[in-house]
Amino acid sequence: MTARKPLLDALVAMLTSRDALVSCLGANARYLPHMTVPCPVFALCDAMGATIPLGLGIALQRPDRHVVALEGDGSLLMSPNVLATVAAAAPPNLTMLLWVNGRYESSGGQALPAAAVDWAALGRAAGVGHVASVGDVAGLREAFTRARAAGVPALIVVAVAFDPDEAIPPYSERPDEIRARFRL
């Protein structure tokens, strides 16, 4: 497994001004305001379970944008039914990246329930059109390129190392700052 920041750096490097990025995933939402991202960014910290529904709504309303939604396994575990909703709506311009580290990182790093979830199989079973699993930067680059070109909703399951000592920036965005970073 790879550390979060190199994966996030690789993703941001692949984005263009025609994309839109949504993250309610704690650590990623804390990093993104400190990064140079070439597209609108909606980074709302620790709104567990909100990323994919927000991304879906944006993708449906803005078919001219490729929407990238960064979700965590703990967040998706709260409402996995959203994958079926995405599959039913079938926006061709939505790519979901599921960051899997087996932790509720936003609330202190507690372990997820011991049930093993095969996230890729869940995505396929829900009807998501394109599903891939990756564990390193090279795999992410390849999978993201394929997902973008798939023409169907895509789910990329990203295995990411949990590091309780990771120096994650503090979250300091106010609502007006979030709105300014996300002008479409």
Protein backbone atom coordinates (compact mmCIF):
# COMPACT_ATOMS: atom_id res chain seq x y z
CA MET A 1 0.00 0.00 0.00
CA THR A 2 1.04 3.54 -0.73
CA ALA A 3 0.86 6.59 1.50
CA ARG A 4 -1.98 9.03 0.85
CA LYS A 5 -0.05 12.12 -0.27
CA PRO A 6 1.76 10.57 -3.27
CA LEU A 7 -1.58 9.19 -4.50
CA LEU A 8 -3.29 12.54 -4.04
CA ASP A 9 -0.41 14.34 -5.78
CA ALA A 10 -0.65 11.93 -8.74
CA LEU A 11 -4.40 12.44 -9.01
CA VAL A 12 -4.18 16.24 -8.89
CA ALA A 13 -1.47 16.14 -11.60
CA MET A 14 -3.93 14.33 -13.92
CA LEU A 15 -6.77 16.82 -13.47
CA THR A 16 -7.55 19.53 -16.01
CA SER A 17 -9.49 22.78 -15.95
CA ARG A 18 -12.52 20.89 -17.37
CA ASP A 19 -12.78 18.65 -14.29
CA ALA A 20 -14.46 19.24 -10.94
CA LEU A 21 -13.18 17.66 -7.73
CA VAL A 22 -15.34 16.83 -4.70
CA SER A 23 -13.96 15.54 -1.41
CA CYS A 24 -15.61 15.21 1.96
CA LEU A 25 -12.90 12.77 3.00
CA GLY A 26 -11.18 14.26 6.04
CA ALA A 27 -7.48 14.02 5.23
CA ASN A 28 -7.88 14.73 1.51
CA ALA A 29 -10.18 17.68 2.21
CA ARG A 30 -7.51 19.03 4.56
CA TYR A 31 -4.71 18.65 1.98
CA LEU A 32 -6.57 20.03 -1.07
CA PRO A 33 -6.82 23.70 0.00
CA HIS A 34 -3.02 23.72 0.31
CA MET A 35 -2.45 22.25 -3.17
CA THR A 36 -2.53 23.84 -6.62
CA VAL A 37 -5.48 22.10 -8.26
CA PRO A 38 -6.30 23.09 -11.86
CA CYS A 39 -10.07 22.68 -11.49
CA PRO A 40 -12.85 23.74 -9.12
CA VAL A 41 -12.53 21.94 -5.77
CA PHE A 42 -15.31 21.34 -3.26
CA ALA A 43 -13.48 20.18 -0.13
CA LEU A 44 -15.79 19.91 2.86
CA CYS A 45 -14.10 18.20 5.73
CA ASP A 46 -15.61 15.16 7.44
CA ALA A 47 -19.06 15.19 5.84
CA MET A 48 -19.13 11.41 5.92
CA GLY A 49 -21.22 9.80 3.19
CA ALA A 50 -21.80 13.05 1.28
CA THR A 51 -19.13 12.93 -1.43
CA ILE A 52 -20.64 10.52 -3.93
CA PRO A 53 -24.15 12.04 -3.74
CA LEU A 54 -22.64 15.51 -4.25
CA GLY A 55 -20.49 14.28 -7.11
CA LEU A 56 -23.48 12.58 -8.72
CA GLY A 57 -25.56 15.74 -8.58
CA ILE A 58 -22.78 17.83 -10.07
CA ALA A 59 -22.13 15.26 -12.83
CA LEU A 60 -25.82 15.23 -13.78
CA GLN A 61 -26.09 19.02 -13.80
CA ARG A 62 -22.75 19.67 -15.50
CA PRO A 63 -22.22 17.08 -18.26
CA ASP A 64 -19.49 19.36 -19.64
CA ARG A 65 -17.29 18.55 -16.60
CA HIS A 66 -15.64 15.31 -15.58
CA VAL A 67 -16.47 15.02 -11.89
CA VAL A 68 -14.06 13.23 -9.57
CA ALA A 69 -15.42 12.27 -6.15
CA LEU A 70 -13.02 11.22 -3.38
CA GLU A 71 -14.72 9.00 -0.81
CA GLY A 72 -13.43 6.93 2.11
CA ASP A 73 -14.31 3.34 2.95
CA GLY A 74 -15.74 4.32 6.33
CA SER A 75 -17.96 6.92 4.69
CA LEU A 76 -19.20 4.59 1.97
CA LEU A 77 -19.85 1.91 4.57
CA MET A 78 -22.50 4.26 6.00
CA SER A 79 -24.54 4.26 2.79
CA PRO A 80 -23.27 1.84 0.13
CA ASN A 81 -26.65 2.04 -1.62
CA VAL A 82 -25.43 5.24 -3.27
CA LEU A 83 -23.48 3.05 -5.73
CA ALA A 84 -26.76 1.64 -7.07
CA THR A 85 -28.10 5.19 -7.39
CA VAL A 86 -25.03 6.17 -9.42
CA ALA A 87 -25.45 3.09 -11.62
CA ALA A 88 -29.13 3.89 -12.22
CA ALA A 89 -28.42 7.53 -13.10
CA ALA A 90 -25.42 6.44 -15.23
CA PRO A 91 -23.59 9.76 -15.65
CA PRO A 92 -20.72 9.09 -18.07
CA ASN A 93 -18.70 11.91 -16.51
CA LEU A 94 -18.37 10.65 -12.91
CA THR A 95 -15.32 8.89 -11.49
CA MET A 96 -15.40 7.88 -7.84
CA LEU A 97 -12.15 7.13 -6.02
CA LEU A 98 -12.69 5.09 -2.90
CA TRP A 99 -9.74 5.48 -0.52
CA VAL A 100 -9.59 2.23 1.46
CA ASN A 101 -7.54 2.06 4.66
CA GLY A 102 -9.92 0.20 6.97
CA ARG A 103 -10.30 3.17 9.32
CA TYR A 104 -12.71 5.88 10.33
CA GLU A 105 -9.89 8.32 9.96
CA SER A 106 -12.00 11.46 10.29
CA SER A 107 -13.02 10.56 13.82
CA GLY A 108 -9.67 9.43 15.16
CA GLY A 109 -8.54 6.39 13.19
CA GLN A 110 -10.82 3.76 14.70
CA ALA A 111 -10.87 0.48 12.79
CA LEU A 112 -13.87 -0.27 10.61
CA PRO A 113 -16.01 -3.26 11.59
CA ALA A 114 -14.17 -6.53 11.09
CA ALA A 115 -16.37 -7.61 8.16
CA ALA A 116 -14.26 -7.85 5.01
CA VAL A 117 -15.84 -5.81 2.23
CA ASP A 118 -14.82 -6.45 -1.36
CA TRP A 119 -15.39 -2.91 -2.56
CA ALA A 120 -14.74 -3.64 -6.23
CA ALA A 121 -17.22 -6.54 -6.17
CA LEU A 122 -19.75 -4.30 -4.39
CA GLY A 123 -19.37 -1.65 -7.10
CA ARG A 124 -19.86 -4.22 -9.85
CA ALA A 125 -22.85 -5.79 -8.04
CA ALA A 126 -24.44 -2.34 -7.70
CA GLY A 127 -24.11 -1.89 -11.46
CA VAL A 128 -21.25 0.60 -11.66
CA GLY A 129 -20.08 0.36 -15.28
CA HIS A 130 -16.32 0.52 -14.81
CA VAL A 131 -14.50 -0.73 -11.70
CA ALA A 132 -10.78 -1.01 -10.97
CA SER A 133 -8.58 -1.58 -7.92
CA VAL A 134 -5.16 -0.02 -7.40
CA GLY A 135 -2.51 0.09 -4.70
CA ASP A 136 0.16 2.43 -6.01
CA VAL A 137 0.72 5.61 -8.02
CA ALA A 138 1.38 3.85 -11.35
CA GLY A 139 -1.81 1.83 -10.95
CA LEU A 140 -3.78 4.97 -10.13
CA ARG A 141 -2.49 6.77 -13.20
CA GLU A 142 -3.48 3.88 -15.47
CA ALA A 143 -6.86 3.28 -13.81
CA PHE A 144 -7.81 6.98 -13.82
CA THR A 145 -7.00 7.32 -17.52
CA ARG A 146 -9.18 4.30 -18.30
CA ALA A 147 -11.98 5.49 -16.03
CA ARG A 148 -12.04 8.91 -17.66
CA ALA A 149 -12.35 7.29 -21.09
CA ALA A 150 -14.89 4.62 -20.07
CA GLY A 151 -18.01 6.65 -20.89
CA VAL A 152 -19.82 5.18 -17.87
CA PRO A 153 -19.69 5.86 -14.13
CA ALA A 154 -16.40 4.56 -12.75
CA LEU A 155 -15.22 3.39 -9.35
CA ILE A 156 -11.53 3.14 -8.55
CA VAL A 157 -10.79 1.36 -5.28
CA VAL A 158 -7.53 2.81 -3.96
CA ALA A 159 -5.71 0.87 -1.23
CA VAL A 160 -4.00 3.52 0.89
CA ALA A 161 -1.75 3.02 3.89
CA PHE A 162 -3.05 4.22 7.24
CA ASP A 163 -0.42 6.26 9.05
CA PRO A 164 -1.50 7.53 12.48
CA ASP A 165 1.52 9.87 12.46
CA GLU A 166 0.78 11.46 9.07
CA ALA A 167 1.20 15.24 9.30
CA ILE A 168 -2.18 16.18 7.83
CA PRO A 169 -2.74 19.94 7.56
CA PRO A 170 -5.42 21.42 9.82
CA TYR A 171 -8.75 22.20 8.22
CA SER A 172 -9.38 25.92 8.09
CA GLU A 173 -11.71 26.61 5.18
CA ARG A 174 -14.74 28.71 5.88
CA PRO A 175 -17.94 28.33 3.80
CA ASP A 176 -17.08 31.41 1.72
CA GLU A 177 -13.63 29.96 0.95
CA ILE A 178 -15.13 26.60 -0.06
CA ARG A 179 -17.58 28.41 -2.36
CA ALA A 180 -14.78 30.47 -3.93
CA ARG A 181 -12.71 27.36 -4.68
CA PHE A 182 -15.70 25.68 -6.33
CA ARG A 183 -16.99 28.20 -8.83
CA LEU A 184 -18.09 26.22 -11.91
